[in-house]
Amino acid sequence: MARYTGPVCKLCRREGEKLFLKGERCFSPKCEIEKRNYPPGQHGKTNSWRRTEGSDFSSQLRAKQKARRVYGVLERQFQSYYTKALKSTGLTGLTMLQSLESRLDNVIYRMGFASSRSQARQLVAHGHFTVNGRRTNVPSMQVKVGDKIALREGSRNSTFFKDLVLFAEERNSPDWVQRDVKTLSGTISRLPERQEIDANLNEQLIVEFYSR
């Protein structure tokens, strides 16, 4: 299971905006963007002006990299999402984003059962959640409309999940999922619409990048 293991704050600084990769820390003064809002590297601060002066290719690349980093997938896997969306009916960009939103780790994050996608990925990898009653440890699993995601019975006595109920109650969940905070479970009622997906992502530029 390939994943990025480097410092995630550098990813936000490279994109010049908060990608909310570290959960609650991103909302605190400890966030690196608050302290060093310029690209990482030896010449990041002196060359930060380059961020606003890019070619079409640069804009397309940055859009693709931002989406990859938001969902926590590597290049090969991300390109696979695009290829599958290209072969399906409907708008390629929207279909690709819907597939990314339908990842099990993302759904758990959207339900408010994790403070970040990386934490949701770890919880799934450790087998704490079930899909339709069956335990799974595959964060990239594609959930479908009607699927029920729930906390595994054997994990309910954990202090972390007892405290998670209070945390989840303070988090909003999108309309395309129906959740029960008390039982830490939820059901996929439909696919997300475009306005329910991160507005800072530009799927058209991503399509243009791979269509070169």
N, C-alpha and C. Protein backbone atom coordinates (compact mmCIF):
# COMPACT_ATOMS: atom_id res chain seq x y z
N MET A 1 0.85 -1.18 0.00
CA MET A 1 0.00 0.00 0.00
C MET A 1 0.89 1.24 0.00
N ALA A 2 1.11 1.79 -1.19
CA ALA A 2 2.01 2.95 -1.32
C ALA A 2 1.35 4.21 -0.78
N ARG A 3 2.16 5.04 -0.14
CA ARG A 3 1.65 6.31 0.37
C ARG A 3 2.82 7.26 0.59
N TYR A 4 2.51 8.54 0.64
CA TYR A 4 3.52 9.56 0.89
C TYR A 4 3.83 9.58 2.38
N THR A 5 5.11 9.55 2.72
CA THR A 5 5.51 9.51 4.13
C THR A 5 6.34 10.72 4.54
N GLY A 6 6.47 11.71 3.65
CA GLY A 6 7.25 12.89 3.97
C GLY A 6 6.45 13.91 4.77
N PRO A 7 7.03 15.07 5.06
CA PRO A 7 6.33 16.12 5.82
C PRO A 7 5.20 16.74 4.99
N VAL A 8 3.97 16.60 5.46
CA VAL A 8 2.83 17.04 4.67
C VAL A 8 2.68 18.56 4.63
N CYS A 9 3.22 19.26 5.61
CA CYS A 9 3.11 20.72 5.60
C CYS A 9 3.85 21.31 4.40
N LYS A 10 4.87 20.63 3.93
CA LYS A 10 5.58 21.09 2.74
C LYS A 10 4.68 21.04 1.51
N LEU A 11 3.76 20.09 1.49
CA LEU A 11 2.84 19.98 0.35
C LEU A 11 1.92 21.19 0.30
N CYS A 12 1.43 21.61 1.46
CA CYS A 12 0.57 22.80 1.50
C CYS A 12 1.35 24.04 1.07
N ARG A 13 2.57 24.15 1.56
CA ARG A 13 3.39 25.32 1.21
C ARG A 13 3.70 25.33 -0.28
N ARG A 14 3.89 24.17 -0.87
CA ARG A 14 4.17 24.11 -2.31
C ARG A 14 2.97 24.58 -3.13
N GLU A 15 1.77 24.28 -2.65
CA GLU A 15 0.57 24.70 -3.38
C GLU A 15 0.14 26.11 -2.99
N GLY A 16 0.73 26.66 -1.94
CA GLY A 16 0.42 28.03 -1.54
C GLY A 16 -0.91 28.20 -0.85
N GLU A 17 -1.46 27.13 -0.31
CA GLU A 17 -2.74 27.21 0.40
C GLU A 17 -2.90 26.01 1.33
N LYS A 18 -3.82 26.13 2.27
CA LYS A 18 -4.07 25.03 3.18
C LYS A 18 -4.81 23.91 2.46
N LEU A 19 -4.28 22.71 2.57
CA LEU A 19 -4.94 21.53 2.02
C LEU A 19 -5.58 20.70 3.14
N PHE A 20 -5.43 21.15 4.38
CA PHE A 20 -6.03 20.52 5.56
C PHE A 20 -5.63 19.04 5.64
N LEU A 21 -4.33 18.80 5.57
CA LEU A 21 -3.81 17.44 5.59
C LEU A 21 -3.50 16.94 7.00
N LYS A 22 -3.50 17.86 7.98
CA LYS A 22 -3.16 17.46 9.35
C LYS A 22 -4.30 17.70 10.32
N GLY A 23 -5.51 17.73 9.82
CA GLY A 23 -6.67 17.82 10.69
C GLY A 23 -6.75 19.10 11.49
N GLU A 24 -6.93 18.98 12.80
CA GLU A 24 -7.16 20.12 13.66
C GLU A 24 -5.97 21.08 13.70
N ARG A 25 -4.77 20.59 13.47
CA ARG A 25 -3.59 21.44 13.49
C ARG A 25 -3.69 22.54 12.43
N CYS A 26 -4.36 22.25 11.32
CA CYS A 26 -4.48 23.22 10.22
C CYS A 26 -5.32 24.43 10.62
N PHE A 27 -6.11 24.29 11.68
CA PHE A 27 -6.97 25.39 12.14
C PHE A 27 -6.33 26.16 13.30
N SER A 28 -5.12 25.77 13.66
CA SER A 28 -4.45 26.40 14.79
C SER A 28 -3.29 27.28 14.32
N PRO A 29 -2.76 28.12 15.20
CA PRO A 29 -1.61 28.96 14.84
C PRO A 29 -0.35 28.15 14.52
N LYS A 30 -0.35 26.86 14.83
CA LYS A 30 0.80 26.01 14.54
C LYS A 30 0.91 25.64 13.07
N CYS A 31 -0.13 25.94 12.29
CA CYS A 31 -0.13 25.61 10.87
C CYS A 31 1.04 26.29 10.17
N GLU A 32 1.78 25.54 9.37
CA GLU A 32 2.96 26.08 8.70
C GLU A 32 2.63 27.20 7.74
N ILE A 33 1.46 27.16 7.11
CA ILE A 33 1.06 28.22 6.18
C ILE A 33 0.96 29.55 6.90
N GLU A 34 0.55 29.50 8.16
CA GLU A 34 0.43 30.73 8.95
C GLU A 34 1.80 31.34 9.23
N LYS A 35 2.81 30.49 9.33
CA LYS A 35 4.15 30.97 9.69
C LYS A 35 5.06 31.16 8.48
N ARG A 36 4.93 30.27 7.49
CA ARG A 36 5.84 30.32 6.33
C ARG A 36 5.06 30.06 5.05
N ASN A 37 4.36 31.06 4.58
CA ASN A 37 3.54 30.90 3.39
C ASN A 37 4.36 31.17 2.12
N TYR A 38 5.33 30.32 1.90
CA TYR A 38 6.13 30.38 0.68
C TYR A 38 6.62 28.96 0.39
N PRO A 39 7.00 28.68 -0.86
CA PRO A 39 7.38 27.32 -1.23
C PRO A 39 8.54 26.80 -0.41
N PRO A 40 8.60 25.49 -0.17
CA PRO A 40 9.72 24.92 0.58
C PRO A 40 10.98 24.91 -0.27
N GLY A 41 12.10 24.72 0.37
CA GLY A 41 13.36 24.65 -0.36
C GLY A 41 14.26 25.83 -0.06
N GLN A 42 15.48 25.73 -0.52
CA GLN A 42 16.49 26.74 -0.23
C GLN A 42 16.13 28.12 -0.77
N HIS A 43 15.49 28.14 -1.95
CA HIS A 43 15.16 29.42 -2.58
C HIS A 43 13.65 29.70 -2.57
N GLY A 44 12.93 28.99 -1.71
CA GLY A 44 11.47 29.14 -1.70
C GLY A 44 10.99 30.54 -1.40
N LYS A 45 11.60 31.17 -0.41
CA LYS A 45 11.13 32.48 0.00
C LYS A 45 11.46 33.54 -1.03
N THR A 46 12.65 33.49 -1.63
CA THR A 46 13.05 34.51 -2.60
C THR A 46 12.37 34.33 -3.94
N ASN A 47 11.91 33.08 -4.25
CA ASN A 47 11.29 32.82 -5.54
C ASN A 47 9.79 32.58 -5.44
N SER A 48 9.19 33.00 -4.33
CA SER A 48 7.76 32.75 -4.15
C SER A 48 6.91 33.46 -5.18
N TRP A 49 7.45 34.51 -5.83
CA TRP A 49 6.68 35.24 -6.84
C TRP A 49 6.39 34.37 -8.05
N ARG A 50 7.15 33.31 -8.26
CA ARG A 50 6.94 32.47 -9.44
C ARG A 50 5.61 31.74 -9.40
N ARG A 51 5.04 31.64 -8.21
CA ARG A 51 3.78 30.91 -8.07
C ARG A 51 2.69 31.55 -8.91
N THR A 52 2.71 32.84 -9.12
CA THR A 52 1.64 33.53 -9.84
C THR A 52 1.96 33.73 -11.32
N GLU A 53 3.15 33.31 -11.76
CA GLU A 53 3.53 33.50 -13.15
C GLU A 53 3.89 32.16 -13.76
N GLY A 54 2.89 31.42 -14.20
CA GLY A 54 3.13 30.09 -14.75
C GLY A 54 2.51 29.93 -16.12
N SER A 55 2.98 28.92 -16.84
CA SER A 55 2.44 28.59 -18.15
C SER A 55 1.15 27.78 -17.99
N ASP A 56 0.51 27.47 -19.11
CA ASP A 56 -0.69 26.63 -19.05
C ASP A 56 -0.34 25.26 -18.48
N PHE A 57 0.80 24.73 -18.90
CA PHE A 57 1.23 23.43 -18.37
C PHE A 57 1.44 23.49 -16.86
N SER A 58 2.03 24.58 -16.39
CA SER A 58 2.26 24.72 -14.96
C SER A 58 0.94 24.75 -14.19
N SER A 59 -0.04 25.45 -14.71
CA SER A 59 -1.36 25.53 -14.05
C SER A 59 -2.02 24.16 -14.02
N GLN A 60 -1.91 23.42 -15.13
CA GLN A 60 -2.49 22.09 -15.19
C GLN A 60 -1.79 21.13 -14.23
N LEU A 61 -0.46 21.23 -14.18
CA LEU A 61 0.30 20.37 -13.27
C LEU A 61 -0.05 20.65 -11.83
N ARG A 62 -0.14 21.92 -11.47
CA ARG A 62 -0.44 22.28 -10.09
C ARG A 62 -1.85 21.81 -9.70
N ALA A 63 -2.80 21.90 -10.62
CA ALA A 63 -4.16 21.44 -10.35
C ALA A 63 -4.18 19.94 -10.09
N LYS A 64 -3.40 19.22 -10.88
CA LYS A 64 -3.32 17.77 -10.71
C LYS A 64 -2.64 17.40 -9.39
N GLN A 65 -1.53 18.06 -9.10
CA GLN A 65 -0.80 17.78 -7.87
C GLN A 65 -1.63 18.11 -6.63
N LYS A 66 -2.36 19.21 -6.70
CA LYS A 66 -3.20 19.60 -5.56
C LYS A 66 -4.25 18.52 -5.27
N ALA A 67 -4.93 18.05 -6.32
CA ALA A 67 -5.95 17.02 -6.13
C ALA A 67 -5.35 15.74 -5.57
N ARG A 68 -4.19 15.36 -6.10
CA ARG A 68 -3.50 14.16 -5.60
C ARG A 68 -3.22 14.28 -4.11
N ARG A 69 -2.73 15.43 -3.71
CA ARG A 69 -2.34 15.62 -2.32
C ARG A 69 -3.53 15.73 -1.39
N VAL A 70 -4.61 16.32 -1.86
CA VAL A 70 -5.82 16.42 -1.05
C VAL A 70 -6.34 15.02 -0.70
N TYR A 71 -6.37 14.13 -1.70
CA TYR A 71 -6.93 12.80 -1.47
C TYR A 71 -5.88 11.78 -1.02
N GLY A 72 -4.61 12.18 -1.02
CA GLY A 72 -3.57 11.30 -0.51
C GLY A 72 -3.26 10.10 -1.38
N VAL A 73 -3.26 10.28 -2.70
CA VAL A 73 -2.93 9.18 -3.61
C VAL A 73 -1.69 9.54 -4.42
N LEU A 74 -0.96 8.52 -4.83
CA LEU A 74 0.24 8.73 -5.63
C LEU A 74 -0.11 8.80 -7.11
N GLU A 75 0.86 9.15 -7.93
CA GLU A 75 0.62 9.44 -9.34
C GLU A 75 -0.02 8.28 -10.09
N ARG A 76 0.51 7.10 -9.93
CA ARG A 76 0.01 5.95 -10.70
C ARG A 76 -1.45 5.67 -10.38
N GLN A 77 -1.80 5.74 -9.12
CA GLN A 77 -3.18 5.49 -8.71
C GLN A 77 -4.09 6.62 -9.18
N PHE A 78 -3.61 7.85 -9.11
CA PHE A 78 -4.42 8.99 -9.55
C PHE A 78 -4.70 8.90 -11.05
N GLN A 79 -3.70 8.53 -11.82
CA GLN A 79 -3.87 8.40 -13.26
C GLN A 79 -4.86 7.28 -13.58
N SER A 80 -4.90 6.26 -12.74
CA SER A 80 -5.86 5.18 -12.93
C SER A 80 -7.29 5.68 -12.76
N TYR A 81 -7.51 6.57 -11.79
CA TYR A 81 -8.84 7.16 -11.62
C TYR A 81 -9.24 7.94 -12.88
N TYR A 82 -8.30 8.68 -13.43
CA TYR A 82 -8.58 9.45 -14.64
C TYR A 82 -8.91 8.52 -15.81
N THR A 83 -8.13 7.46 -15.99
CA THR A 83 -8.34 6.54 -17.11
C THR A 83 -9.72 5.88 -17.02
N LYS A 84 -10.11 5.47 -15.83
CA LYS A 84 -11.43 4.86 -15.66
C LYS A 84 -12.54 5.87 -15.93
N ALA A 85 -12.34 7.11 -15.49
CA ALA A 85 -13.36 8.15 -15.73
C ALA A 85 -13.47 8.46 -17.21
N LEU A 86 -12.34 8.41 -17.92
CA LEU A 86 -12.33 8.69 -19.36
C LEU A 86 -13.14 7.66 -20.13
N LYS A 87 -13.15 6.43 -19.66
CA LYS A 87 -13.85 5.34 -20.35
C LYS A 87 -15.33 5.26 -19.98
N SER A 88 -15.73 6.00 -18.95
CA SER A 88 -17.12 5.95 -18.49
C SER A 88 -17.94 7.04 -19.16
N THR A 89 -19.25 6.98 -18.97
CA THR A 89 -20.13 8.01 -19.51
C THR A 89 -20.15 9.21 -18.58
N GLY A 90 -20.56 10.36 -19.09
CA GLY A 90 -20.62 11.56 -18.27
C GLY A 90 -19.36 12.38 -18.40
N LEU A 91 -19.30 13.45 -17.62
CA LEU A 91 -18.15 14.34 -17.64
C LEU A 91 -16.95 13.66 -16.99
N THR A 92 -15.84 13.62 -17.70
CA THR A 92 -14.66 12.91 -17.22
C THR A 92 -14.17 13.48 -15.88
N GLY A 93 -14.05 14.80 -15.79
CA GLY A 93 -13.53 15.42 -14.57
C GLY A 93 -14.42 15.15 -13.37
N LEU A 94 -15.74 15.30 -13.54
CA LEU A 94 -16.66 15.09 -12.43
C LEU A 94 -16.67 13.63 -12.01
N THR A 95 -16.66 12.72 -12.99
CA THR A 95 -16.64 11.29 -12.68
C THR A 95 -15.40 10.91 -11.89
N MET A 96 -14.26 11.51 -12.26
CA MET A 96 -13.02 11.24 -11.55
C MET A 96 -13.11 11.72 -10.10
N LEU A 97 -13.62 12.93 -9.89
CA LEU A 97 -13.75 13.45 -8.53
C LEU A 97 -14.73 12.62 -7.71
N GLN A 98 -15.81 12.16 -8.33
CA GLN A 98 -16.78 11.33 -7.62
C GLN A 98 -16.16 10.01 -7.18
N SER A 99 -15.28 9.47 -8.03
CA SER A 99 -14.58 8.23 -7.67
C SER A 99 -13.65 8.46 -6.49
N LEU A 100 -12.96 9.59 -6.49
CA LEU A 100 -12.07 9.92 -5.38
C LEU A 100 -12.86 10.15 -4.09
N GLU A 101 -14.02 10.79 -4.22
CA GLU A 101 -14.85 11.03 -3.05
C GLU A 101 -15.44 9.72 -2.52
N SER A 102 -15.55 8.71 -3.37
CA SER A 102 -16.15 7.44 -2.98
C SER A 102 -15.15 6.48 -2.35
N ARG A 103 -13.90 6.89 -2.22
CA ARG A 103 -12.92 6.07 -1.50
C ARG A 103 -13.37 5.91 -0.05
N LEU A 104 -13.16 4.75 0.51
CA LEU A 104 -13.61 4.49 1.87
C LEU A 104 -12.98 5.44 2.88
N ASP A 105 -11.68 5.72 2.73
CA ASP A 105 -11.04 6.63 3.69
C ASP A 105 -11.63 8.03 3.60
N ASN A 106 -11.96 8.48 2.39
CA ASN A 106 -12.55 9.81 2.22
C ASN A 106 -13.96 9.86 2.81
N VAL A 107 -14.74 8.79 2.61
CA VAL A 107 -16.11 8.76 3.13
C VAL A 107 -16.10 8.84 4.65
N ILE A 108 -15.19 8.11 5.28
CA ILE A 108 -15.09 8.16 6.75
C ILE A 108 -14.70 9.56 7.21
N TYR A 109 -13.81 10.20 6.47
CA TYR A 109 -13.44 11.58 6.79
C TYR A 109 -14.64 12.51 6.60
N ARG A 110 -15.36 12.36 5.52
CA ARG A 110 -16.53 13.20 5.27
C ARG A 110 -17.61 13.02 6.32
N MET A 111 -17.71 11.82 6.87
CA MET A 111 -18.71 11.57 7.90
C MET A 111 -18.32 12.20 9.23
N GLY A 112 -17.08 12.65 9.34
CA GLY A 112 -16.62 13.27 10.57
C GLY A 112 -16.06 12.28 11.56
N PHE A 113 -15.73 11.07 11.10
CA PHE A 113 -15.21 10.04 11.99
C PHE A 113 -13.68 10.06 12.05
N ALA A 114 -13.05 11.04 11.40
CA ALA A 114 -11.60 11.22 11.44
C ALA A 114 -11.31 12.69 11.21
N SER A 115 -10.23 13.19 11.77
CA SER A 115 -9.90 14.61 11.64
C SER A 115 -9.23 14.93 10.31
N SER A 116 -8.73 13.92 9.62
CA SER A 116 -8.09 14.12 8.32
C SER A 116 -8.21 12.83 7.52
N ARG A 117 -7.95 12.94 6.23
CA ARG A 117 -8.00 11.75 5.38
C ARG A 117 -6.90 10.76 5.75
N SER A 118 -5.75 11.27 6.14
CA SER A 118 -4.65 10.38 6.52
C SER A 118 -5.01 9.59 7.77
N GLN A 119 -5.69 10.24 8.71
CA GLN A 119 -6.11 9.51 9.91
C GLN A 119 -7.17 8.48 9.55
N ALA A 120 -8.09 8.85 8.66
CA ALA A 120 -9.12 7.90 8.22
C ALA A 120 -8.48 6.70 7.53
N ARG A 121 -7.45 6.98 6.73
CA ARG A 121 -6.74 5.90 6.04
C ARG A 121 -6.12 4.94 7.05
N GLN A 122 -5.54 5.47 8.11
CA GLN A 122 -4.91 4.64 9.12
C GLN A 122 -5.95 3.80 9.87
N LEU A 123 -7.10 4.41 10.19
CA LEU A 123 -8.15 3.68 10.90
C LEU A 123 -8.67 2.52 10.06
N VAL A 124 -8.82 2.75 8.75
CA VAL A 124 -9.28 1.67 7.87
C VAL A 124 -8.22 0.59 7.76
N ALA A 125 -6.98 0.99 7.58
CA ALA A 125 -5.88 0.03 7.44
C ALA A 125 -5.75 -0.87 8.67
N HIS A 126 -6.14 -0.35 9.83
CA HIS A 126 -6.07 -1.14 11.07
C HIS A 126 -7.34 -1.97 11.28
N GLY A 127 -8.26 -1.91 10.33
CA GLY A 127 -9.44 -2.77 10.38
C GLY A 127 -10.52 -2.35 11.35
N HIS A 128 -10.64 -1.06 11.62
CA HIS A 128 -11.63 -0.59 12.60
C HIS A 128 -13.03 -0.42 12.02
N PHE A 129 -13.17 -0.47 10.69
CA PHE A 129 -14.48 -0.23 10.08
C PHE A 129 -14.93 -1.41 9.23
N THR A 130 -16.24 -1.50 9.09
CA THR A 130 -16.83 -2.54 8.24
C THR A 130 -17.65 -1.89 7.14
N VAL A 131 -17.78 -2.58 6.03
CA VAL A 131 -18.64 -2.15 4.93
C VAL A 131 -19.67 -3.25 4.69
N ASN A 132 -20.93 -2.92 4.90
CA ASN A 132 -22.02 -3.90 4.78
C ASN A 132 -21.78 -5.11 5.68
N GLY A 133 -21.24 -4.83 6.87
CA GLY A 133 -21.05 -5.89 7.86
C GLY A 133 -19.75 -6.65 7.73
N ARG A 134 -18.96 -6.38 6.71
CA ARG A 134 -17.72 -7.12 6.50
C ARG A 134 -16.52 -6.21 6.80
N ARG A 135 -15.62 -6.72 7.62
CA ARG A 135 -14.44 -5.95 7.99
C ARG A 135 -13.54 -5.75 6.77
N THR A 136 -13.00 -4.55 6.63
CA THR A 136 -12.10 -4.27 5.51
C THR A 136 -10.92 -3.44 6.00
N ASN A 137 -9.79 -3.61 5.33
CA ASN A 137 -8.60 -2.80 5.67
C ASN A 137 -8.02 -2.16 4.42
N VAL A 138 -8.89 -1.86 3.45
CA VAL A 138 -8.47 -1.28 2.17
C VAL A 138 -8.99 0.16 2.07
N PRO A 139 -8.16 1.16 2.35
CA PRO A 139 -8.62 2.55 2.32
C PRO A 139 -9.15 3.00 0.96
N SER A 140 -8.62 2.43 -0.13
CA SER A 140 -9.02 2.85 -1.47
C SER A 140 -10.28 2.16 -1.96
N MET A 141 -10.89 1.33 -1.15
CA MET A 141 -12.10 0.61 -1.55
C MET A 141 -13.17 1.59 -2.01
N GLN A 142 -13.78 1.30 -3.14
CA GLN A 142 -14.83 2.15 -3.67
C GLN A 142 -16.19 1.75 -3.08
N VAL A 143 -16.78 2.65 -2.31
CA VAL A 143 -18.10 2.38 -1.76
C VAL A 143 -19.16 2.82 -2.75
N LYS A 144 -20.28 2.14 -2.75
CA LYS A 144 -21.35 2.42 -3.71
C LYS A 144 -22.59 2.91 -2.98
N VAL A 145 -23.52 3.43 -3.76
CA VAL A 145 -24.78 3.92 -3.20
C VAL A 145 -25.48 2.76 -2.50
N GLY A 146 -25.89 2.99 -1.27
CA GLY A 146 -26.56 1.96 -0.48
C GLY A 146 -25.65 1.24 0.49
N ASP A 147 -24.33 1.39 0.32
CA ASP A 147 -23.39 0.72 1.22
C ASP A 147 -23.46 1.34 2.62
N LYS A 148 -23.33 0.50 3.63
CA LYS A 148 -23.33 0.97 5.02
C LYS A 148 -21.95 0.79 5.60
N ILE A 149 -21.40 1.88 6.12
CA ILE A 149 -20.08 1.87 6.77
C ILE A 149 -20.32 2.02 8.27
N ALA A 150 -19.66 1.18 9.06
CA ALA A 150 -19.87 1.22 10.51
C ALA A 150 -18.59 0.87 11.24
N LEU A 151 -18.49 1.35 12.46
CA LEU A 151 -17.36 1.01 13.32
C LEU A 151 -17.48 -0.46 13.73
N ARG A 152 -16.38 -1.18 13.67
CA ARG A 152 -16.37 -2.59 14.04
C ARG A 152 -16.69 -2.75 15.53
N GLU A 153 -17.46 -3.76 15.86
CA GLU A 153 -17.89 -3.97 17.24
C GLU A 153 -16.70 -4.09 18.19
N GLY A 154 -15.64 -4.76 17.74
CA GLY A 154 -14.48 -4.96 18.60
C GLY A 154 -13.71 -3.70 18.91
N SER A 155 -14.02 -2.60 18.19
CA SER A 155 -13.29 -1.34 18.39
C SER A 155 -14.06 -0.36 19.27
N ARG A 156 -15.28 -0.68 19.60
CA ARG A 156 -16.14 0.28 20.30
C ARG A 156 -15.66 0.61 21.72
N ASN A 157 -14.96 -0.30 22.35
CA ASN A 157 -14.52 -0.06 23.73
C ASN A 157 -13.25 0.76 23.81
N SER A 158 -12.67 1.07 22.66
CA SER A 158 -11.45 1.87 22.65
C SER A 158 -11.75 3.29 23.11
N THR A 159 -10.85 3.85 23.91
CA THR A 159 -11.02 5.23 24.39
C THR A 159 -11.08 6.21 23.23
N PHE A 160 -10.30 5.96 22.20
CA PHE A 160 -10.28 6.85 21.04
C PHE A 160 -11.66 6.97 20.42
N PHE A 161 -12.35 5.86 20.24
CA PHE A 161 -13.65 5.89 19.58
C PHE A 161 -14.75 6.37 20.51
N LYS A 162 -14.58 6.22 21.80
CA LYS A 162 -15.55 6.79 22.74
C LYS A 162 -15.49 8.32 22.66
N ASP A 163 -14.28 8.86 22.59
CA ASP A 163 -14.12 10.31 22.46
C ASP A 163 -14.51 10.79 21.06
N LEU A 164 -14.45 9.90 20.08
CA LEU A 164 -14.75 10.27 18.71
C LEU A 164 -16.21 10.69 18.53
N VAL A 165 -17.09 10.16 19.34
CA VAL A 165 -18.51 10.52 19.25
C VAL A 165 -18.68 12.01 19.48
N LEU A 166 -18.02 12.55 20.49
CA LEU A 166 -18.12 13.98 20.77
C LEU A 166 -17.49 14.80 19.64
N PHE A 167 -16.38 14.31 19.11
CA PHE A 167 -15.73 15.00 18.00
C PHE A 167 -16.62 15.02 16.76
N ALA A 168 -17.25 13.89 16.45
CA ALA A 168 -18.08 13.78 15.25
C ALA A 168 -19.32 14.66 15.34
N GLU A 169 -19.84 14.83 16.55
CA GLU A 169 -21.04 15.65 16.71
C GLU A 169 -20.79 17.10 16.34
N GLU A 170 -19.53 17.53 16.44
CA GLU A 170 -19.19 18.92 16.11
C GLU A 170 -18.86 19.10 14.63
N ARG A 171 -18.78 18.00 13.90
CA ARG A 171 -18.43 18.05 12.48
C ARG A 171 -19.68 17.90 11.63
N ASN A 172 -19.76 18.68 10.54
CA ASN A 172 -20.86 18.54 9.60
C ASN A 172 -20.53 17.44 8.59
N SER A 173 -21.55 16.79 8.08
CA SER A 173 -21.36 15.79 7.04
C SER A 173 -22.17 16.22 5.81
N PRO A 174 -21.71 15.87 4.61
CA PRO A 174 -22.43 16.27 3.39
C PRO A 174 -23.77 15.54 3.26
N ASP A 175 -24.63 16.08 2.41
CA ASP A 175 -25.97 15.52 2.24
C ASP A 175 -25.98 14.17 1.54
N TRP A 176 -24.88 13.81 0.87
CA TRP A 176 -24.89 12.54 0.14
C TRP A 176 -24.57 11.34 1.02
N VAL A 177 -24.31 11.60 2.30
CA VAL A 177 -24.15 10.50 3.26
C VAL A 177 -25.10 10.71 4.43
N GLN A 178 -25.68 9.64 4.90
CA GLN A 178 -26.54 9.68 6.07
C GLN A 178 -25.80 8.98 7.21
N ARG A 179 -25.58 9.69 8.31
CA ARG A 179 -24.78 9.11 9.38
C ARG A 179 -25.53 9.06 10.70
N ASP A 180 -25.10 8.16 11.55
CA ASP A 180 -25.61 8.05 12.91
C ASP A 180 -24.40 8.19 13.82
N VAL A 181 -24.26 9.36 14.43
CA VAL A 181 -23.08 9.65 15.23
C VAL A 181 -22.98 8.73 16.44
N LYS A 182 -24.09 8.41 17.05
CA LYS A 182 -24.06 7.61 18.28
C LYS A 182 -23.50 6.21 18.02
N THR A 183 -23.81 5.65 16.86
CA THR A 183 -23.31 4.30 16.54
C THR A 183 -22.09 4.35 15.63
N LEU A 184 -21.66 5.58 15.27
CA LEU A 184 -20.54 5.76 14.35
C LEU A 184 -20.71 4.92 13.09
N SER A 185 -21.83 5.15 12.43
CA SER A 185 -22.13 4.43 11.19
C SER A 185 -22.78 5.40 10.21
N GLY A 186 -22.83 5.00 8.96
CA GLY A 186 -23.45 5.85 7.96
C GLY A 186 -23.72 5.08 6.68
N THR A 187 -24.57 5.66 5.84
CA THR A 187 -24.96 5.02 4.58
C THR A 187 -24.78 6.00 3.43
N ILE A 188 -24.30 5.51 2.30
CA ILE A 188 -24.15 6.33 1.10
C ILE A 188 -25.51 6.43 0.42
N SER A 189 -26.10 7.61 0.40
CA SER A 189 -27.44 7.77 -0.17
C SER A 189 -27.40 8.08 -1.65
N ARG A 190 -26.31 8.70 -2.12
CA ARG A 190 -26.16 9.03 -3.54
C ARG A 190 -24.73 9.48 -3.80
N LEU A 191 -24.40 9.67 -5.08
CA LEU A 191 -23.09 10.21 -5.41
C LEU A 191 -23.05 11.71 -5.13
N PRO A 192 -21.92 12.24 -4.76
CA PRO A 192 -21.85 13.69 -4.49
C PRO A 192 -21.99 14.51 -5.76
N GLU A 193 -22.64 15.65 -5.66
CA GLU A 193 -22.72 16.59 -6.79
C GLU A 193 -21.50 17.50 -6.76
N ARG A 194 -21.26 18.18 -7.89
CA ARG A 194 -20.03 18.96 -8.00
C ARG A 194 -19.91 20.01 -6.91
N GLN A 195 -21.00 20.68 -6.55
CA GLN A 195 -20.93 21.73 -5.55
C GLN A 195 -20.66 21.18 -4.14
N GLU A 196 -20.73 19.87 -3.97
CA GLU A 196 -20.46 19.26 -2.68
C GLU A 196 -19.02 18.76 -2.57
N ILE A 197 -18.24 18.97 -3.62
CA ILE A 197 -16.83 18.58 -3.65
C ILE A 197 -15.99 19.84 -3.56
N ASP A 198 -14.81 19.72 -3.02
CA ASP A 198 -13.90 20.85 -2.81
C ASP A 198 -13.89 21.80 -4.02
N ALA A 199 -14.29 23.03 -3.79
CA ALA A 199 -14.37 24.01 -4.88
C ALA A 199 -13.00 24.46 -5.36
N ASN A 200 -11.96 24.25 -4.56
CA ASN A 200 -10.61 24.66 -4.95
C ASN A 200 -9.96 23.71 -5.94
N LEU A 201 -10.60 22.58 -6.19
CA LEU A 201 -10.07 21.63 -7.17
C LEU A 201 -10.60 22.00 -8.55
N ASN A 202 -9.73 21.98 -9.54
CA ASN A 202 -10.10 22.33 -10.91
C ASN A 202 -9.94 21.10 -11.78
N GLU A 203 -11.03 20.33 -11.92
CA GLU A 203 -10.96 19.09 -12.68
C GLU A 203 -10.72 19.31 -14.16
N GLN A 204 -11.14 20.47 -14.69
CA GLN A 204 -10.93 20.72 -16.12
C GLN A 204 -9.43 20.82 -16.43
N LEU A 205 -8.68 21.47 -15.58
CA LEU A 205 -7.24 21.56 -15.79
C LEU A 205 -6.57 20.19 -15.68
N ILE A 206 -7.10 19.35 -14.82
CA ILE A 206 -6.55 17.99 -14.69
C ILE A 206 -6.80 17.20 -15.97
N VAL A 207 -8.00 17.32 -16.52
CA VAL A 207 -8.32 16.64 -17.78
C VAL A 207 -7.41 17.15 -18.90
N GLU A 208 -7.18 18.45 -18.93
CA GLU A 208 -6.30 19.03 -19.94
C GLU A 208 -4.87 18.53 -19.78
N PHE A 209 -4.44 18.34 -18.54
CA PHE A 209 -3.09 17.85 -18.29
C PHE A 209 -2.89 16.46 -18.89
N TYR A 210 -3.84 15.56 -18.64
CA TYR A 210 -3.70 14.20 -19.13
C TYR A 210 -4.09 14.06 -20.62
N SER A 211 -4.69 15.10 -21.19
CA SER A 211 -5.08 15.05 -22.60
C SER A 211 -4.02 15.59 -23.52
N ARG A 212 -2.90 16.02 -22.96
CA ARG A 212 -1.85 16.61 -23.79
C ARG A 212 -1.35 15.61 -24.83
